[in-house]
């Protein structure tokens, strides 16, 4: 699982959106969004990814990155 990197924190910083604001806008708890943001999530629903991309005005590839280590 170490090869998928979650860049949610980078996108949030670019858009100047805080954890509380984004969690409220996408209907996800701050705790669950924090797990995703720190890269500790084991999975992400497409509906959640879609909501994040809609709110941040980005693409899924801006949030998720594959690194061949």
C-alpha atoms as a PDB file:
ATOM      1  CA  UNK A   1       0.000   0.000   0.000  1.00  0.00           C
ATOM      2  CA  UNK A   2       3.026   2.266   0.302  1.00  0.00           C
ATOM      3  CA  UNK A   3       3.092   3.065  -3.424  1.00  0.00           C
ATOM      4  CA  UNK A   4      -0.124   5.112  -3.500  1.00  0.00           C
ATOM      5  CA  UNK A   5       0.520   8.621  -2.210  1.00  0.00           C
ATOM      6  CA  UNK A   6      -2.371  10.841  -1.092  1.00  0.00           C
ATOM      7  CA  UNK A   7      -1.763  14.508  -1.922  1.00  0.00           C
ATOM      8  CA  UNK A   8      -5.001  15.811  -0.416  1.00  0.00           C
ATOM      9  CA  UNK A   9      -3.125  18.113   1.966  1.00  0.00           C
ATOM     10  CA  UNK A  10      -1.326  19.735  -0.992  1.00  0.00           C
ATOM     11  CA  UNK A  11      -4.584  20.373  -2.879  1.00  0.00           C
ATOM     12  CA  UNK A  12      -6.262  21.713   0.262  1.00  0.00           C
ATOM     13  CA  UNK A  13      -3.353  24.096   0.840  1.00  0.00           C
ATOM     14  CA  UNK A  14      -3.447  25.291  -2.789  1.00  0.00           C
ATOM     15  CA  UNK A  15      -7.145  26.096  -2.445  1.00  0.00           C
ATOM     16  CA  UNK A  16      -6.749  27.425   1.119  1.00  0.00           C
ATOM     17  CA  UNK A  17      -9.455  25.070   2.423  1.00  0.00           C
ATOM     18  CA  UNK A  18      -9.254  23.732   5.969  1.00  0.00           C
ATOM     19  CA  UNK A  19     -10.121  20.250   7.178  1.00  0.00           C
ATOM     20  CA  UNK A  20     -13.298  21.354   8.958  1.00  0.00           C
ATOM     21  CA  UNK A  21     -14.576  23.326   5.982  1.00  0.00           C
ATOM     22  CA  UNK A  22     -13.910  20.550   3.460  1.00  0.00           C
ATOM     23  CA  UNK A  23     -15.406  17.844   5.684  1.00  0.00           C
ATOM     24  CA  UNK A  24     -18.574  19.897   6.044  1.00  0.00           C
ATOM     25  CA  UNK A  25     -18.781  20.606   2.310  1.00  0.00           C
ATOM     26  CA  UNK A  26     -18.409  16.943   1.285  1.00  0.00           C
ATOM     27  CA  UNK A  27     -20.357  15.371   4.146  1.00  0.00           C
ATOM     28  CA  UNK A  28     -17.484  13.362   5.626  1.00  0.00           C
ATOM     29  CA  UNK A  29     -16.437  13.460   9.267  1.00  0.00           C
ATOM     30  CA  UNK A  30     -13.261  15.361  10.107  1.00  0.00           C
ATOM     31  CA  UNK A  31     -11.823  12.151  11.560  1.00  0.00           C
ATOM     32  CA  UNK A  32     -12.346  10.189   8.331  1.00  0.00           C
ATOM     33  CA  UNK A  33     -11.095  13.045   6.173  1.00  0.00           C
ATOM     34  CA  UNK A  34      -8.011  13.317   8.405  1.00  0.00           C
ATOM     35  CA  UNK A  35      -7.292   9.584   7.939  1.00  0.00           C
ATOM     36  CA  UNK A  36      -7.452  10.106   4.193  1.00  0.00           C
ATOM     37  CA  UNK A  37      -5.378  13.288   4.309  1.00  0.00           C
ATOM     38  CA  UNK A  38      -2.560  11.644   6.266  1.00  0.00           C
ATOM     39  CA  UNK A  39      -2.420   8.700   3.850  1.00  0.00           C
ATOM     40  CA  UNK A  40      -3.568   6.175   6.459  1.00  0.00           C
ATOM     41  CA  UNK A  41      -6.757   5.217   4.594  1.00  0.00           C
ATOM     42  CA  UNK A  42      -6.825   1.764   3.025  1.00  0.00           C
ATOM     43  CA  UNK A  43      -9.465   2.733   0.444  1.00  0.00           C
ATOM     44  CA  UNK A  44     -11.494   5.641  -0.869  1.00  0.00           C
ATOM     45  CA  UNK A  45     -14.983   5.538  -2.343  1.00  0.00           C
ATOM     46  CA  UNK A  46     -15.363   6.998  -5.798  1.00  0.00           C
ATOM     47  CA  UNK A  47     -18.239   9.120  -4.490  1.00  0.00           C
ATOM     48  CA  UNK A  48     -15.921  10.617  -1.856  1.00  0.00           C
ATOM     49  CA  UNK A  49     -13.184  11.232  -4.419  1.00  0.00           C
ATOM     50  CA  UNK A  50     -15.745  12.838  -6.733  1.00  0.00           C
ATOM     51  CA  UNK A  51     -16.973  15.141  -3.940  1.00  0.00           C
ATOM     52  CA  UNK A  52     -13.428  16.178  -3.038  1.00  0.00           C
ATOM     53  CA  UNK A  53     -12.554  16.896  -6.666  1.00  0.00           C
ATOM     54  CA  UNK A  54     -15.756  18.907  -7.143  1.00  0.00           C
ATOM     55  CA  UNK A  55     -15.143  21.012  -4.041  1.00  0.00           C
ATOM     56  CA  UNK A  56     -11.432  21.579  -4.694  1.00  0.00           C
ATOM     57  CA  UNK A  57     -11.764  21.967  -8.471  1.00  0.00           C
ATOM     58  CA  UNK A  58      -9.168  19.290  -9.183  1.00  0.00           C
ATOM     59  CA  UNK A  59      -8.764  15.882 -10.831  1.00  0.00           C
ATOM     60  CA  UNK A  60      -8.418  12.488  -9.078  1.00  0.00           C
ATOM     61  CA  UNK A  61      -4.784  12.398 -10.232  1.00  0.00           C
ATOM     62  CA  UNK A  62      -4.152  15.590  -8.266  1.00  0.00           C
ATOM     63  CA  UNK A  63      -5.191  13.753  -5.099  1.00  0.00           C
ATOM     64  CA  UNK A  64      -3.805  10.255  -5.719  1.00  0.00           C
ATOM     65  CA  UNK A  65      -0.347   9.454  -7.058  1.00  0.00           C
ATOM     66  CA  UNK A  66       1.399   6.157  -7.772  1.00  0.00           C
ATOM     67  CA  UNK A  67       5.130   5.926  -7.064  1.00  0.00           C
ATOM     68  CA  UNK A  68       7.113   2.894  -8.140  1.00  0.00           C
ATOM     69  CA  UNK A  69       9.636   2.566  -5.332  1.00  0.00           C
END
